[in-house]
Amino acid sequence: MTEQLAWYVARASGIVVLGLTTLTVAWGLLFSTRLLQGRPSPKWLLDLHRFLGGFTVVFTAVHIAGLVADNYVAFGPIDVLVPLASGWKPEPVAWGVVAMYLLVAVEVTSLVMKRIPRRWWRAVHFSSYAMFWMGVIHGARAGTDASEGLYVVGSTAAVLLVGFLTADRVVAVRKSRRVRGTP
């Protein structure tokens, strides 16, 4: 094993987390909008959405483990668990720490969804939007690959995809409220 292996694991898994988060949020938006009506069965869509969310948690853990294992910046448990505690780029790292907590909250409430009130699950699940944007900010400001061409293209595509699907969902909700006559 090389000394840099942990660093490469941390970098690569961070990029994978951005991709998985994008896919999870996008799939959830597709699942909840009119764009895929009449296409694959909702059960299949929901299973894929859940799988992507779980995989995002796994790669987030790998990302954090890689950061803690790496000796260059010397992240400790406090640095990766407490917002603004990091001595290295505290604000950008804090975006990632808070995004991680939102991810955990969304996943845990999804696992216990049948045991909690639907409105609680829904309120926590809506934090997925904030989690996505916090992750994008974290990657852009703390990621050492943020200025690399392929990363810029990929993160821009992620932002555009989630932005488009979110706008479509907002428009669809407004249209349905107008049809029902509610504000």
Foldseek 3Di string as FASTA:
>chain_A
DDLCPLVVQLQVLLLVLLVLLLVLLLLVLVLVAPPQPPHDDSVVSVVVSLVSLVVSLVSLVSNVVSVCSHDPLNDDPCLQQPQQPRPPPRPLSNLQNVLSVLSVQLNVCVVCVVVDDVVVNVVSVVCSVSSSVSSLSSCCPVRPCNPPPVNVVVSVVSCVSSVVSVVNSVVRVVVVCVVVVHD
